[in-house]
Amino acid sequence: MEKGDKCLAVVRVRGTVNVRRDISDTLRMLHLVRNCHATLIDNRPSYLNMLHKVHNYVTWGEVSKEVIALLLRERGRLRGNRKITDEYARKIGFESVDDLAEAIHSLKVEFHKLPEIKPVFRLHPPSGGYDGSIKKSYKSGGVVGYRGEDINDLLKRMI
């Protein structure tokens, strides 16, 4: 399978009511079953096509390794709702959570394929609220759709 060259963060910003079944299935494949859930993927064509299908329900962009490390430390969970620690990182072959974040950012490992890890981050709604309507695209003053590097600011407000 083809691999992408950038790490993307995807955040679901709209709820679960009145969602078409095909869109609901695609969101489930991305592990985004509830509002304010986020996940990390790469930009291979199959993922980009999935994002294109659900673009009215999610926002995404290129995430920095500092924000990945912050997500892993603060909101990342293992089975049993245990936090991700440096001990877990050493157990799977990394020196610390920061090294794990670097590996995820450089696409050496896929986030959802790590052992015992929950493939989704459960985030809070953003402090100060969303910057616009959740029904409009980011380019036209809303929230949904591609936002590039600005995803880092949104994720920091949601942690």
N, C-alpha and C. Protein backbone atom coordinates (compact mmCIF):
# COMPACT_ATOMS: atom_id res chain seq x y z
N MET A 1 0.84 -1.18 0.00
CA MET A 1 0.00 0.00 0.00
C MET A 1 0.88 1.25 0.00
N GLU A 2 0.47 2.23 -0.73
CA GLU A 2 1.23 3.47 -0.85
C GLU A 2 1.20 4.24 0.47
N LYS A 3 2.30 4.88 0.79
CA LYS A 3 2.41 5.63 2.03
C LYS A 3 2.55 7.12 1.71
N GLY A 4 1.96 7.97 2.56
CA GLY A 4 2.03 9.40 2.35
C GLY A 4 3.35 9.98 2.82
N ASP A 5 3.48 11.31 2.71
CA ASP A 5 4.71 11.95 3.12
C ASP A 5 4.50 13.01 4.20
N LYS A 6 3.25 13.25 4.63
CA LYS A 6 2.95 14.22 5.67
C LYS A 6 2.02 13.60 6.69
N CYS A 7 2.16 14.04 7.94
CA CYS A 7 1.26 13.58 9.00
C CYS A 7 0.13 14.60 9.14
N LEU A 8 -1.09 14.12 9.10
CA LEU A 8 -2.27 14.98 9.20
C LEU A 8 -3.03 14.68 10.49
N ALA A 9 -3.56 15.73 11.10
CA ALA A 9 -4.48 15.57 12.22
C ALA A 9 -5.88 15.84 11.70
N VAL A 10 -6.82 14.96 12.04
CA VAL A 10 -8.21 15.10 11.61
C VAL A 10 -9.07 15.20 12.85
N VAL A 11 -9.92 16.24 12.92
CA VAL A 11 -10.79 16.47 14.06
C VAL A 11 -12.23 16.51 13.58
N ARG A 12 -13.10 15.74 14.23
CA ARG A 12 -14.52 15.80 13.90
C ARG A 12 -15.14 16.98 14.63
N VAL A 13 -15.84 17.85 13.89
CA VAL A 13 -16.40 19.06 14.47
C VAL A 13 -17.92 19.09 14.45
N ARG A 14 -18.53 18.17 13.75
CA ARG A 14 -20.00 18.12 13.72
C ARG A 14 -20.48 16.83 14.35
N GLY A 15 -21.70 16.83 14.84
CA GLY A 15 -22.25 15.72 15.60
C GLY A 15 -22.70 14.54 14.78
N THR A 16 -23.51 13.69 15.41
CA THR A 16 -23.87 12.40 14.85
C THR A 16 -25.30 12.34 14.31
N VAL A 17 -26.10 13.37 14.51
CA VAL A 17 -27.49 13.33 14.11
C VAL A 17 -27.64 13.61 12.61
N ASN A 18 -28.51 12.84 11.94
CA ASN A 18 -28.83 13.01 10.52
C ASN A 18 -27.61 12.92 9.61
N VAL A 19 -26.72 11.99 9.89
CA VAL A 19 -25.55 11.77 9.05
C VAL A 19 -25.87 10.61 8.12
N ARG A 20 -25.61 10.80 6.81
CA ARG A 20 -25.85 9.71 5.86
C ARG A 20 -25.02 8.49 6.22
N ARG A 21 -25.53 7.31 5.86
CA ARG A 21 -24.87 6.08 6.26
C ARG A 21 -23.47 5.94 5.67
N ASP A 22 -23.27 6.31 4.42
CA ASP A 22 -21.94 6.17 3.83
C ASP A 22 -20.93 7.11 4.49
N ILE A 23 -21.37 8.29 4.88
CA ILE A 23 -20.49 9.23 5.58
C ILE A 23 -20.21 8.72 6.98
N SER A 24 -21.23 8.18 7.64
CA SER A 24 -21.05 7.62 8.97
C SER A 24 -20.06 6.45 8.95
N ASP A 25 -20.15 5.61 7.93
CA ASP A 25 -19.22 4.49 7.80
C ASP A 25 -17.79 4.98 7.58
N THR A 26 -17.62 6.01 6.76
CA THR A 26 -16.29 6.56 6.51
C THR A 26 -15.71 7.17 7.79
N LEU A 27 -16.54 7.89 8.54
CA LEU A 27 -16.07 8.46 9.80
C LEU A 27 -15.69 7.36 10.78
N ARG A 28 -16.43 6.25 10.78
CA ARG A 28 -16.10 5.13 11.66
C ARG A 28 -14.77 4.51 11.25
N MET A 29 -14.50 4.43 9.94
CA MET A 29 -13.21 3.89 9.48
C MET A 29 -12.05 4.78 9.90
N LEU A 30 -12.32 6.08 10.03
CA LEU A 30 -11.30 7.01 10.50
C LEU A 30 -11.24 7.07 12.03
N HIS A 31 -12.07 6.28 12.72
CA HIS A 31 -12.17 6.22 14.18
C HIS A 31 -12.76 7.50 14.77
N LEU A 32 -13.51 8.27 14.00
CA LEU A 32 -14.09 9.52 14.47
C LEU A 32 -15.59 9.33 14.67
N VAL A 33 -15.96 8.70 15.78
CA VAL A 33 -17.36 8.35 15.99
C VAL A 33 -18.13 9.42 16.75
N ARG A 34 -17.46 10.36 17.36
CA ARG A 34 -18.12 11.42 18.12
C ARG A 34 -17.50 12.78 17.81
N ASN A 35 -18.25 13.80 18.18
CA ASN A 35 -17.77 15.16 18.04
C ASN A 35 -16.54 15.37 18.94
N CYS A 36 -15.59 16.17 18.52
CA CYS A 36 -14.36 16.50 19.24
C CYS A 36 -13.40 15.32 19.38
N HIS A 37 -13.54 14.31 18.54
CA HIS A 37 -12.55 13.24 18.48
C HIS A 37 -11.54 13.60 17.40
N ALA A 38 -10.28 13.21 17.62
CA ALA A 38 -9.23 13.50 16.66
C ALA A 38 -8.39 12.25 16.45
N THR A 39 -7.75 12.17 15.30
CA THR A 39 -6.84 11.06 15.01
C THR A 39 -5.71 11.58 14.12
N LEU A 40 -4.67 10.76 13.99
CA LEU A 40 -3.51 11.11 13.17
C LEU A 40 -3.41 10.12 12.02
N ILE A 41 -3.30 10.64 10.79
CA ILE A 41 -3.17 9.80 9.61
C ILE A 41 -2.09 10.39 8.72
N ASP A 42 -1.75 9.69 7.64
CA ASP A 42 -0.84 10.29 6.66
C ASP A 42 -1.66 10.72 5.44
N ASN A 43 -0.99 11.28 4.45
CA ASN A 43 -1.74 11.85 3.32
C ASN A 43 -1.70 10.96 2.09
N ARG A 44 -1.82 9.65 2.28
CA ARG A 44 -1.92 8.75 1.12
C ARG A 44 -3.26 8.98 0.42
N PRO A 45 -3.35 8.67 -0.85
CA PRO A 45 -4.56 8.98 -1.62
C PRO A 45 -5.84 8.37 -1.05
N SER A 46 -5.78 7.19 -0.48
CA SER A 46 -6.99 6.58 0.07
C SER A 46 -7.53 7.39 1.24
N TYR A 47 -6.64 7.88 2.11
CA TYR A 47 -7.09 8.73 3.22
C TYR A 47 -7.61 10.07 2.71
N LEU A 48 -6.95 10.65 1.72
CA LEU A 48 -7.41 11.93 1.19
C LEU A 48 -8.79 11.81 0.55
N ASN A 49 -9.06 10.68 -0.11
CA ASN A 49 -10.40 10.47 -0.67
C ASN A 49 -11.44 10.33 0.44
N MET A 50 -11.07 9.69 1.55
CA MET A 50 -11.98 9.59 2.68
C MET A 50 -12.26 10.98 3.26
N LEU A 51 -11.23 11.79 3.37
CA LEU A 51 -11.42 13.15 3.89
C LEU A 51 -12.29 13.98 2.95
N HIS A 52 -12.11 13.78 1.65
CA HIS A 52 -12.95 14.50 0.69
C HIS A 52 -14.42 14.12 0.87
N LYS A 53 -14.68 12.86 1.16
CA LYS A 53 -16.06 12.39 1.33
C LYS A 53 -16.70 13.01 2.58
N VAL A 54 -15.95 13.15 3.67
CA VAL A 54 -16.51 13.63 4.94
C VAL A 54 -16.11 15.08 5.24
N HIS A 55 -15.75 15.84 4.21
CA HIS A 55 -15.21 17.19 4.44
C HIS A 55 -16.19 18.13 5.13
N ASN A 56 -17.48 17.84 5.13
CA ASN A 56 -18.45 18.69 5.82
C ASN A 56 -18.58 18.38 7.30
N TYR A 57 -17.87 17.38 7.78
CA TYR A 57 -17.97 16.97 9.18
C TYR A 57 -16.65 17.06 9.94
N VAL A 58 -15.54 17.24 9.23
CA VAL A 58 -14.23 17.24 9.87
C VAL A 58 -13.41 18.43 9.41
N THR A 59 -12.36 18.71 10.16
CA THR A 59 -11.34 19.66 9.74
C THR A 59 -9.99 18.97 9.89
N TRP A 60 -9.05 19.30 9.01
CA TRP A 60 -7.75 18.63 9.05
C TRP A 60 -6.66 19.55 8.54
N GLY A 61 -5.42 19.15 8.84
CA GLY A 61 -4.26 19.90 8.39
C GLY A 61 -2.98 19.22 8.85
N GLU A 62 -1.84 19.79 8.45
CA GLU A 62 -0.53 19.24 8.81
C GLU A 62 -0.21 19.60 10.25
N VAL A 63 0.06 18.60 11.05
CA VAL A 63 0.30 18.79 12.47
C VAL A 63 1.80 18.81 12.74
N SER A 64 2.22 19.59 13.74
CA SER A 64 3.64 19.67 14.09
C SER A 64 3.98 18.59 15.11
N LYS A 65 5.27 18.26 15.23
CA LYS A 65 5.66 17.20 16.16
C LYS A 65 5.48 17.64 17.60
N GLU A 66 5.55 18.94 17.89
CA GLU A 66 5.33 19.42 19.26
C GLU A 66 3.88 19.18 19.68
N VAL A 67 2.95 19.41 18.77
CA VAL A 67 1.54 19.20 19.09
C VAL A 67 1.25 17.70 19.19
N ILE A 68 1.91 16.88 18.39
CA ILE A 68 1.73 15.43 18.51
C ILE A 68 2.20 14.96 19.88
N ALA A 69 3.35 15.46 20.34
CA ALA A 69 3.86 15.08 21.67
C ALA A 69 2.89 15.54 22.75
N LEU A 70 2.34 16.74 22.61
CA LEU A 70 1.37 17.26 23.57
C LEU A 70 0.10 16.41 23.58
N LEU A 71 -0.38 16.03 22.40
CA LEU A 71 -1.56 15.17 22.32
C LEU A 71 -1.30 13.81 22.99
N LEU A 72 -0.15 13.21 22.70
CA LEU A 72 0.16 11.91 23.29
C LEU A 72 0.25 11.98 24.80
N ARG A 73 0.89 13.02 25.32
CA ARG A 73 1.05 13.14 26.77
C ARG A 73 -0.26 13.47 27.48
N GLU A 74 -1.03 14.39 26.93
CA GLU A 74 -2.21 14.88 27.64
C GLU A 74 -3.48 14.08 27.36
N ARG A 75 -3.71 13.70 26.10
CA ARG A 75 -4.98 13.08 25.73
C ARG A 75 -4.86 11.67 25.19
N GLY A 76 -3.65 11.18 24.98
CA GLY A 76 -3.47 9.83 24.47
C GLY A 76 -3.76 8.79 25.54
N ARG A 77 -4.40 7.70 25.15
CA ARG A 77 -4.76 6.66 26.10
C ARG A 77 -4.42 5.27 25.56
N LEU A 78 -4.11 4.38 26.49
CA LEU A 78 -3.91 2.97 26.21
C LEU A 78 -5.17 2.22 26.62
N ARG A 79 -5.20 0.92 26.33
CA ARG A 79 -6.32 0.11 26.80
C ARG A 79 -6.43 0.21 28.31
N GLY A 80 -7.64 0.24 28.82
CA GLY A 80 -7.84 0.40 30.25
C GLY A 80 -7.80 1.84 30.69
N ASN A 81 -7.84 2.77 29.72
CA ASN A 81 -7.83 4.22 29.97
C ASN A 81 -6.57 4.65 30.73
N ARG A 82 -5.43 4.00 30.44
CA ARG A 82 -4.17 4.39 31.05
C ARG A 82 -3.49 5.43 30.16
N LYS A 83 -2.75 6.34 30.79
CA LYS A 83 -2.05 7.38 30.03
C LYS A 83 -0.84 6.81 29.31
N ILE A 84 -0.45 7.47 28.24
CA ILE A 84 0.77 7.11 27.52
C ILE A 84 1.95 7.76 28.25
N THR A 85 2.89 6.94 28.68
CA THR A 85 4.03 7.43 29.46
C THR A 85 5.33 7.07 28.76
N ASP A 86 6.44 7.57 29.32
CA ASP A 86 7.76 7.22 28.79
C ASP A 86 8.03 5.72 28.96
N GLU A 87 7.47 5.13 30.01
CA GLU A 87 7.63 3.69 30.22
C GLU A 87 7.00 2.91 29.07
N TYR A 88 5.82 3.31 28.61
CA TYR A 88 5.18 2.65 27.47
C TYR A 88 6.03 2.84 26.22
N ALA A 89 6.56 4.06 26.03
CA ALA A 89 7.39 4.33 24.85
C ALA A 89 8.64 3.43 24.85
N ARG A 90 9.26 3.24 26.02
CA ARG A 90 10.43 2.36 26.10
C ARG A 90 10.03 0.91 25.82
N LYS A 91 8.83 0.52 26.24
CA LYS A 91 8.36 -0.85 26.04
C LYS A 91 8.22 -1.19 24.55
N ILE A 92 7.84 -0.19 23.74
CA ILE A 92 7.66 -0.45 22.31
C ILE A 92 8.87 -0.04 21.48
N GLY A 93 9.97 0.37 22.14
CA GLY A 93 11.22 0.59 21.42
C GLY A 93 11.62 2.03 21.20
N PHE A 94 11.03 2.97 21.92
CA PHE A 94 11.41 4.37 21.82
C PHE A 94 11.92 4.84 23.18
N GLU A 95 12.73 5.89 23.19
CA GLU A 95 13.30 6.34 24.46
C GLU A 95 12.33 7.14 25.30
N SER A 96 11.44 7.90 24.64
CA SER A 96 10.49 8.72 25.38
C SER A 96 9.27 8.98 24.49
N VAL A 97 8.28 9.65 25.05
CA VAL A 97 7.09 10.01 24.29
C VAL A 97 7.46 10.99 23.18
N ASP A 98 8.46 11.83 23.43
CA ASP A 98 8.89 12.78 22.40
C ASP A 98 9.49 12.05 21.19
N ASP A 99 10.26 10.98 21.44
CA ASP A 99 10.79 10.18 20.34
C ASP A 99 9.67 9.47 19.58
N LEU A 100 8.67 9.01 20.31
CA LEU A 100 7.50 8.40 19.68
C LEU A 100 6.77 9.42 18.81
N ALA A 101 6.63 10.64 19.32
CA ALA A 101 5.98 11.70 18.55
C ALA A 101 6.78 12.02 17.29
N GLU A 102 8.10 12.02 17.39
CA GLU A 102 8.95 12.27 16.23
C GLU A 102 8.77 11.17 15.18
N ALA A 103 8.66 9.92 15.64
CA ALA A 103 8.47 8.80 14.72
C ALA A 103 7.11 8.88 14.03
N ILE A 104 6.09 9.28 14.78
CA ILE A 104 4.75 9.42 14.18
C ILE A 104 4.76 10.57 13.17
N HIS A 105 5.41 11.68 13.52
CA HIS A 105 5.45 12.85 12.64
C HIS A 105 6.21 12.55 11.35
N SER A 106 7.29 11.78 11.46
CA SER A 106 8.07 11.45 10.26
C SER A 106 7.55 10.20 9.56
N LEU A 107 6.42 9.66 10.02
CA LEU A 107 5.71 8.53 9.42
C LEU A 107 6.52 7.23 9.45
N LYS A 108 7.37 7.08 10.45
CA LYS A 108 8.08 5.82 10.62
C LYS A 108 7.16 4.76 11.21
N VAL A 109 6.20 5.20 12.02
CA VAL A 109 5.17 4.30 12.56
C VAL A 109 3.81 4.94 12.31
N GLU A 110 2.80 4.09 12.18
CA GLU A 110 1.44 4.59 12.04
C GLU A 110 0.79 4.61 13.42
N PHE A 111 0.15 5.72 13.74
CA PHE A 111 -0.41 5.91 15.08
C PHE A 111 -1.41 4.82 15.44
N HIS A 112 -2.33 4.51 14.55
CA HIS A 112 -3.39 3.55 14.90
C HIS A 112 -2.90 2.11 14.93
N LYS A 113 -1.68 1.85 14.49
CA LYS A 113 -1.14 0.48 14.52
C LYS A 113 -0.21 0.23 15.71
N LEU A 114 -0.04 1.21 16.59
CA LEU A 114 0.78 1.00 17.78
C LEU A 114 0.07 0.02 18.71
N PRO A 115 0.81 -0.86 19.40
CA PRO A 115 0.16 -1.84 20.27
C PRO A 115 -0.49 -1.20 21.49
N GLU A 116 -1.67 -1.70 21.85
CA GLU A 116 -2.43 -1.32 23.04
C GLU A 116 -2.90 0.13 23.05
N ILE A 117 -2.76 0.86 21.96
CA ILE A 117 -3.12 2.28 21.98
C ILE A 117 -4.52 2.47 21.42
N LYS A 118 -5.25 3.41 21.99
CA LYS A 118 -6.55 3.78 21.43
C LYS A 118 -6.30 4.71 20.26
N PRO A 119 -6.89 4.46 19.10
CA PRO A 119 -6.54 5.20 17.89
C PRO A 119 -7.19 6.58 17.79
N VAL A 120 -7.74 7.08 18.88
CA VAL A 120 -8.43 8.35 18.84
C VAL A 120 -8.08 9.16 20.08
N PHE A 121 -8.04 10.48 19.91
CA PHE A 121 -7.87 11.39 21.04
C PHE A 121 -9.23 12.00 21.36
N ARG A 122 -9.68 11.89 22.60
CA ARG A 122 -10.94 12.50 23.01
C ARG A 122 -10.62 13.90 23.54
N LEU A 123 -10.99 14.91 22.78
CA LEU A 123 -10.63 16.29 23.10
C LEU A 123 -11.81 17.04 23.70
N HIS A 124 -11.49 18.18 24.31
CA HIS A 124 -12.52 19.10 24.79
C HIS A 124 -12.95 19.99 23.63
N PRO A 125 -14.13 20.60 23.71
CA PRO A 125 -14.45 21.64 22.73
C PRO A 125 -13.42 22.77 22.85
N PRO A 126 -13.13 23.49 21.78
CA PRO A 126 -12.06 24.50 21.84
C PRO A 126 -12.41 25.64 22.80
N SER A 127 -11.42 26.06 23.59
CA SER A 127 -11.64 27.19 24.48
C SER A 127 -11.86 28.43 23.62
N GLY A 128 -12.87 29.18 23.93
CA GLY A 128 -13.24 30.34 23.13
C GLY A 128 -14.15 29.98 21.97
N GLY A 129 -14.46 28.71 21.82
CA GLY A 129 -15.37 28.27 20.76
C GLY A 129 -14.68 28.18 19.41
N TYR A 130 -15.43 27.65 18.45
CA TYR A 130 -14.93 27.58 17.09
C TYR A 130 -14.94 28.98 16.49
N ASP A 131 -14.03 29.24 15.58
CA ASP A 131 -13.93 30.56 14.95
C ASP A 131 -14.82 30.62 13.72
N GLY A 132 -16.12 30.56 13.91
CA GLY A 132 -17.05 30.62 12.79
C GLY A 132 -18.04 29.48 12.85
N SER A 133 -18.81 29.36 11.79
CA SER A 133 -19.86 28.36 11.72
C SER A 133 -19.27 26.98 11.41
N ILE A 134 -19.84 25.95 12.03
CA ILE A 134 -19.39 24.59 11.74
C ILE A 134 -20.03 24.06 10.47
N LYS A 135 -20.82 24.89 9.80
CA LYS A 135 -21.45 24.49 8.55
C LYS A 135 -20.77 25.10 7.32
N LYS A 136 -19.80 25.99 7.55
CA LYS A 136 -19.10 26.64 6.43
C LYS A 136 -17.67 26.13 6.38
N SER A 137 -17.09 26.20 5.18
CA SER A 137 -15.71 25.75 5.03
C SER A 137 -14.75 26.75 5.67
N TYR A 138 -13.56 26.29 5.96
CA TYR A 138 -12.56 27.13 6.61
C TYR A 138 -12.18 28.31 5.73
N LYS A 139 -12.13 28.10 4.43
CA LYS A 139 -11.76 29.18 3.51
C LYS A 139 -12.80 30.29 3.46
N SER A 140 -14.06 29.96 3.74
CA SER A 140 -15.10 30.99 3.71
C SER A 140 -15.51 31.44 5.11
N GLY A 141 -14.61 31.32 6.08
CA GLY A 141 -14.85 31.85 7.41
C GLY A 141 -15.46 30.87 8.39
N GLY A 142 -15.55 29.61 8.04
CA GLY A 142 -16.13 28.61 8.92
C GLY A 142 -15.07 27.74 9.58
N VAL A 143 -15.42 26.49 9.80
CA VAL A 143 -14.55 25.59 10.54
C VAL A 143 -14.15 24.35 9.74
N VAL A 144 -15.07 23.77 8.99
CA VAL A 144 -14.82 22.46 8.37
C VAL A 144 -13.89 22.56 7.16
N GLY A 145 -13.26 21.44 6.83
CA GLY A 145 -12.40 21.38 5.66
C GLY A 145 -10.93 21.51 6.00
N TYR A 146 -10.13 21.65 4.96
CA TYR A 146 -8.67 21.72 5.09
C TYR A 146 -8.25 23.07 5.66
N ARG A 147 -7.36 23.06 6.65
CA ARG A 147 -6.88 24.31 7.23
C ARG A 147 -5.37 24.40 7.34
N GLY A 148 -4.63 23.43 6.85
CA GLY A 148 -3.17 23.52 6.82
C GLY A 148 -2.55 23.55 8.20
N GLU A 149 -1.58 24.43 8.40
CA GLU A 149 -0.86 24.53 9.68
C GLU A 149 -1.72 25.09 10.80
N ASP A 150 -2.85 25.71 10.48
CA ASP A 150 -3.71 26.29 11.51
C ASP A 150 -4.38 25.23 12.38
N ILE A 151 -4.28 23.96 12.00
CA ILE A 151 -4.84 22.89 12.82
C ILE A 151 -4.12 22.83 14.17
N ASN A 152 -2.85 23.24 14.21
CA ASN A 152 -2.09 23.21 15.47
C ASN A 152 -2.70 24.13 16.51
N ASP A 153 -3.14 25.34 16.09
CA ASP A 153 -3.76 26.27 17.03
C ASP A 153 -5.07 25.70 17.57
N LEU A 154 -5.87 25.09 16.69
CA LEU A 154 -7.13 24.50 17.13
C LEU A 154 -6.89 23.36 18.11
N LEU A 155 -5.93 22.50 17.82
CA LEU A 155 -5.66 21.38 18.72
C LEU A 155 -5.15 21.84 20.08
N LYS A 156 -4.33 22.87 20.12
CA LYS A 156 -3.86 23.39 21.40
C LYS A 156 -5.02 23.92 22.23
N ARG A 157 -6.00 24.54 21.57
CA ARG A 157 -7.17 25.04 22.30
C ARG A 157 -8.10 23.92 22.75
N MET A 158 -8.02 22.76 22.10
CA MET A 158 -8.90 21.65 22.44
C MET A 158 -8.29 20.70 23.48
N ILE A 159 -6.99 20.77 23.69
CA ILE A 159 -6.34 19.89 24.67
C ILE A 159 -6.68 20.39 26.05
